[in-house]
Amino acid sequence: MVLLAVAAVLLVFDHWTHIADSSLLLPVALLAGCLGMHFFMHDGHEKGGK
């Protein structure tokens, strides 16, 4: 996991100009990240506060 995190950070730093250059990519990526965290890290709504 640490290796993947370091690789992701280095990839973002190396290609920041390409990422920042596309004005639509960053908001869509942030929205997709939020939705992904909600669906995959949220434990669901069926537990009823247990």
PDB file of N, CA and C in Angstrom:
ATOM      1  N   MET A   1       0.829  -1.195   0.000  1.00  0.00           N
ATOM      2  CA  MET A   1       0.000   0.000   0.000  1.00  0.00           C
ATOM      3  C   MET A   1       0.874   1.259   0.000  1.00  0.00           C
ATOM      4  N   VAL A   2       1.945   1.215   0.787  1.00  0.00           N
ATOM      5  CA  VAL A   2       2.837   2.376   0.839  1.00  0.00           C
ATOM      6  C   VAL A   2       3.493   2.603  -0.510  1.00  0.00           C
ATOM      7  N   LEU A   3       3.896   1.520  -1.154  1.00  0.00           N
ATOM      8  CA  LEU A   3       4.515   1.644  -2.473  1.00  0.00           C
ATOM      9  C   LEU A   3       3.549   2.265  -3.480  1.00  0.00           C
ATOM     10  N   LEU A   4       2.287   1.871  -3.439  1.00  0.00           N
ATOM     11  CA  LEU A   4       1.288   2.452  -4.340  1.00  0.00           C
ATOM     12  C   LEU A   4       1.056   3.929  -4.034  1.00  0.00           C
ATOM     13  N   ALA A   5       1.049   4.280  -2.756  1.00  0.00           N
ATOM     14  CA  ALA A   5       0.852   5.685  -2.377  1.00  0.00           C
ATOM     15  C   ALA A   5       2.024   6.541  -2.848  1.00  0.00           C
ATOM     16  N   VAL A   6       3.238   6.054  -2.658  1.00  0.00           N
ATOM     17  CA  VAL A   6       4.417   6.799  -3.110  1.00  0.00           C
ATOM     18  C   VAL A   6       4.420   6.923  -4.630  1.00  0.00           C
ATOM     19  N   ALA A   7       4.073   5.846  -5.323  1.00  0.00           N
ATOM     20  CA  ALA A   7       4.016   5.895  -6.784  1.00  0.00           C
ATOM     21  C   ALA A   7       2.962   6.890  -7.262  1.00  0.00           C
ATOM     22  N   ALA A   8       1.814   6.933  -6.592  1.00  0.00           N
ATOM     23  CA  ALA A   8       0.759   7.878  -6.979  1.00  0.00           C
ATOM     24  C   ALA A   8       1.208   9.314  -6.765  1.00  0.00           C
ATOM     25  N   VAL A   9       1.864   9.586  -5.646  1.00  0.00           N
ATOM     26  CA  VAL A   9       2.335  10.949  -5.373  1.00  0.00           C
ATOM     27  C   VAL A   9       3.385  11.368  -6.399  1.00  0.00           C
ATOM     28  N   LEU A  10       4.328  10.488  -6.690  1.00  0.00           N
ATOM     29  CA  LEU A  10       5.354  10.820  -7.689  1.00  0.00           C
ATOM     30  C   LEU A  10       4.742  11.009  -9.073  1.00  0.00           C
ATOM     31  N   LEU A  11       3.759  10.205  -9.411  1.00  0.00           N
ATOM     32  CA  LEU A  11       3.093  10.345 -10.701  1.00  0.00           C
ATOM     33  C   LEU A  11       2.378  11.686 -10.802  1.00  0.00           C
ATOM     34  N   VAL A  12       1.719  12.095  -9.730  1.00  0.00           N
ATOM     35  CA  VAL A  12       1.021  13.389  -9.740  1.00  0.00           C
ATOM     36  C   VAL A  12       2.023  14.533  -9.839  1.00  0.00           C
ATOM     37  N   PHE A  13       3.123  14.457  -9.087  1.00  0.00           N
ATOM     38  CA  PHE A  13       4.119  15.533  -9.145  1.00  0.00           C
ATOM     39  C   PHE A  13       4.768  15.621 -10.522  1.00  0.00           C
ATOM     40  N   ASP A  14       5.043  14.478 -11.142  1.00  0.00           N
ATOM     41  CA  ASP A  14       5.688  14.487 -12.451  1.00  0.00           C
ATOM     42  C   ASP A  14       4.761  14.983 -13.554  1.00  0.00           C
ATOM     43  N   HIS A  15       3.472  14.741 -13.419  1.00  0.00           N
ATOM     44  CA  HIS A  15       2.529  15.087 -14.481  1.00  0.00           C
ATOM     45  C   HIS A  15       1.549  16.175 -14.055  1.00  0.00           C
ATOM     46  N   TRP A  16       1.941  17.028 -13.111  1.00  0.00           N
ATOM     47  CA  TRP A  16       1.031  18.047 -12.597  1.00  0.00           C
ATOM     48  C   TRP A  16       0.584  19.015 -13.687  1.00  0.00           C
ATOM     49  N   THR A  17       1.463  19.356 -14.606  1.00  0.00           N
ATOM     50  CA  THR A  17       1.076  20.304 -15.659  1.00  0.00           C
ATOM     51  C   THR A  17      -0.015  19.724 -16.545  1.00  0.00           C
ATOM     52  N   HIS A  18       0.039  18.435 -16.804  1.00  0.00           N
ATOM     53  CA  HIS A  18      -1.009  17.809 -17.618  1.00  0.00           C
ATOM     54  C   HIS A  18      -2.319  17.729 -16.845  1.00  0.00           C
ATOM     55  N   ILE A  19      -2.233  17.454 -15.556  1.00  0.00           N
ATOM     56  CA  ILE A  19      -3.445  17.361 -14.733  1.00  0.00           C
ATOM     57  C   ILE A  19      -4.097  18.722 -14.586  1.00  0.00           C
ATOM     58  N   ALA A  20      -3.289  19.738 -14.296  1.00  0.00           N
ATOM     59  CA  ALA A  20      -3.828  21.085 -14.102  1.00  0.00           C
ATOM     60  C   ALA A  20      -4.280  21.704 -15.419  1.00  0.00           C
ATOM     61  N   ASP A  21      -3.731  21.219 -16.524  1.00  0.00           N
ATOM     62  CA  ASP A  21      -4.064  21.786 -17.824  1.00  0.00           C
ATOM     63  C   ASP A  21      -5.478  21.420 -18.260  1.00  0.00           C
ATOM     64  N   SER A  22      -5.947  20.247 -17.886  1.00  0.00           N
ATOM     65  CA  SER A  22      -7.306  19.885 -18.273  1.00  0.00           C
ATOM     66  C   SER A  22      -8.260  20.356 -17.181  1.00  0.00           C
ATOM     67  N   SER A  23      -9.101  21.296 -17.497  1.00  0.00           N
ATOM     68  CA  SER A  23      -9.948  21.936 -16.499  1.00  0.00           C
ATOM     69  C   SER A  23     -11.091  21.038 -16.038  1.00  0.00           C
ATOM     70  N   LEU A  24     -11.456  20.037 -16.814  1.00  0.00           N
ATOM     71  CA  LEU A  24     -12.577  19.181 -16.455  1.00  0.00           C
ATOM     72  C   LEU A  24     -12.135  17.953 -15.670  1.00  0.00           C
ATOM     73  N   LEU A  25     -10.900  17.534 -15.825  1.00  0.00           N
ATOM     74  CA  LEU A  25     -10.437  16.297 -15.209  1.00  0.00           C
ATOM     75  C   LEU A  25     -10.412  16.374 -13.686  1.00  0.00           C
ATOM     76  N   LEU A  26      -9.941  17.461 -13.123  1.00  0.00           N
ATOM     77  CA  LEU A  26      -9.784  17.551 -11.678  1.00  0.00           C
ATOM     78  C   LEU A  26     -11.121  17.524 -10.931  1.00  0.00           C
ATOM     79  N   PRO A  27     -12.131  18.314 -11.320  1.00  0.00           N
ATOM     80  CA  PRO A  27     -13.407  18.216 -10.604  1.00  0.00           C
ATOM     81  C   PRO A  27     -14.075  16.844 -10.742  1.00  0.00           C
ATOM     82  N   VAL A  28     -13.963  16.244 -11.911  1.00  0.00           N
ATOM     83  CA  VAL A  28     -14.555  14.920 -12.113  1.00  0.00           C
ATOM     84  C   VAL A  28     -13.827  13.890 -11.265  1.00  0.00           C
ATOM     85  N   ALA A  29     -12.506  13.985 -11.177  1.00  0.00           N
ATOM     86  CA  ALA A  29     -11.732  13.053 -10.359  1.00  0.00           C
ATOM     87  C   ALA A  29     -12.074  13.222  -8.881  1.00  0.00           C
ATOM     88  N   LEU A  30     -12.241  14.452  -8.418  1.00  0.00           N
ATOM     89  CA  LEU A  30     -12.617  14.676  -7.021  1.00  0.00           C
ATOM     90  C   LEU A  30     -14.008  14.123  -6.735  1.00  0.00           C
ATOM     91  N   LEU A  31     -14.934  14.340  -7.639  1.00  0.00           N
ATOM     92  CA  LEU A  31     -16.283  13.807  -7.457  1.00  0.00           C
ATOM     93  C   LEU A  31     -16.278  12.284  -7.458  1.00  0.00           C
ATOM     94  N   ALA A  32     -15.521  11.689  -8.361  1.00  0.00           N
ATOM     95  CA  ALA A  32     -15.432  10.234  -8.408  1.00  0.00           C
ATOM     96  C   ALA A  32     -14.787   9.688  -7.138  1.00  0.00           C
ATOM     97  N   GLY A  33     -13.804  10.391  -6.610  1.00  0.00           N
ATOM     98  CA  GLY A  33     -13.176   9.965  -5.366  1.00  0.00           C
ATOM     99  C   GLY A  33     -14.142  10.014  -4.195  1.00  0.00           C
ATOM    100  N   CYS A  34     -14.926  11.063  -4.123  1.00  0.00           N
ATOM    101  CA  CYS A  34     -15.915  11.185  -3.042  1.00  0.00           C
ATOM    102  C   CYS A  34     -16.978  10.092  -3.143  1.00  0.00           C
ATOM    103  N   LEU A  35     -17.464   9.857  -4.351  1.00  0.00           N
ATOM    104  CA  LEU A  35     -18.463   8.814  -4.535  1.00  0.00           C
ATOM    105  C   LEU A  35     -17.885   7.436  -4.228  1.00  0.00           C
ATOM    106  N   GLY A  36     -16.655   7.213  -4.647  1.00  0.00           N
ATOM    107  CA  GLY A  36     -16.011   5.931  -4.379  1.00  0.00           C
ATOM    108  C   GLY A  36     -15.824   5.696  -2.888  1.00  0.00           C
ATOM    109  N   MET A  37     -15.405   6.741  -2.163  1.00  0.00           N
ATOM    110  CA  MET A  37     -15.240   6.582  -0.715  1.00  0.00           C
ATOM    111  C   MET A  37     -16.584   6.335  -0.045  1.00  0.00           C
ATOM    112  N   HIS A  38     -17.630   6.988  -0.519  1.00  0.00           N
ATOM    113  CA  HIS A  38     -18.941   6.789   0.091  1.00  0.00           C
ATOM    114  C   HIS A  38     -19.425   5.360  -0.115  1.00  0.00           C
ATOM    115  N   PHE A  39     -19.294   4.855  -1.342  1.00  0.00           N
ATOM    116  CA  PHE A  39     -19.821   3.527  -1.635  1.00  0.00           C
ATOM    117  C   PHE A  39     -18.960   2.404  -1.076  1.00  0.00           C
ATOM    118  N   PHE A  40     -17.641   2.571  -1.082  1.00  0.00           N
ATOM    119  CA  PHE A  40     -16.772   1.467  -0.700  1.00  0.00           C
ATOM    120  C   PHE A  40     -16.288   1.540   0.748  1.00  0.00           C
ATOM    121  N   MET A  41     -16.237   2.721   1.335  1.00  0.00           N
ATOM    122  CA  MET A  41     -15.736   2.831   2.702  1.00  0.00           C
ATOM    123  C   MET A  41     -16.866   3.016   3.706  1.00  0.00           C
ATOM    124  N   HIS A  42     -18.016   3.460   3.230  1.00  0.00           N
ATOM    125  CA  HIS A  42     -19.177   3.607   4.092  1.00  0.00           C
ATOM    126  C   HIS A  42     -19.720   2.209   4.326  1.00  0.00           C
ATOM    127  N   ASP A  43     -20.154   1.921   5.528  1.00  0.00           N
ATOM    128  CA  ASP A  43     -20.523   0.543   5.854  1.00  0.00           C
ATOM    129  C   ASP A  43     -21.968   0.233   5.517  1.00  0.00           C
ATOM    130  N   GLY A  44     -22.623   1.110   4.820  1.00  0.00           N
ATOM    131  CA  GLY A  44     -24.020   0.871   4.457  1.00  0.00           C
ATOM    132  C   GLY A  44     -24.968   1.508   5.441  1.00  0.00           C
ATOM    133  N   HIS A  45     -26.228   1.511   5.090  1.00  0.00           N
ATOM    134  CA  HIS A  45     -27.248   2.148   5.916  1.00  0.00           C
ATOM    135  C   HIS A  45     -28.121   1.126   6.632  1.00  0.00           C
ATOM    136  N   GLU A  46     -27.857  -0.138   6.467  1.00  0.00           N
ATOM    137  CA  GLU A  46     -28.727  -1.173   7.014  1.00  0.00           C
ATOM    138  C   GLU A  46     -28.477  -1.464   8.479  1.00  0.00           C
ATOM    139  N   LYS A  47     -27.372  -1.002   9.032  1.00  0.00           N
ATOM    140  CA  LYS A  47     -27.003  -1.387  10.389  1.00  0.00           C
ATOM    141  C   LYS A  47     -27.861  -0.724  11.456  1.00  0.00           C
ATOM    142  N   GLY A  48     -28.447   0.392  11.189  1.00  0.00           N
ATOM    143  CA  GLY A  48     -29.346   1.041  12.143  1.00  0.00           C
ATOM    144  C   GLY A  48     -28.625   1.591  13.376  1.00  0.00           C
ATOM    145  N   GLY A  49     -27.400   2.074  13.210  1.00  0.00           N
ATOM    146  CA  GLY A  49     -26.693   2.693  14.320  1.00  0.00           C
ATOM    147  C   GLY A  49     -26.043   1.711  15.281  1.00  0.00           C
ATOM    148  N   LYS A  50     -25.873   0.482  14.892  1.00  0.00           N
ATOM    149  CA  LYS A  50     -25.246  -0.520  15.775  1.00  0.00           C
ATOM    150  C   LYS A  50     -23.750  -0.427  15.697  1.00  0.00           C
TER     151      LYS A  50
END
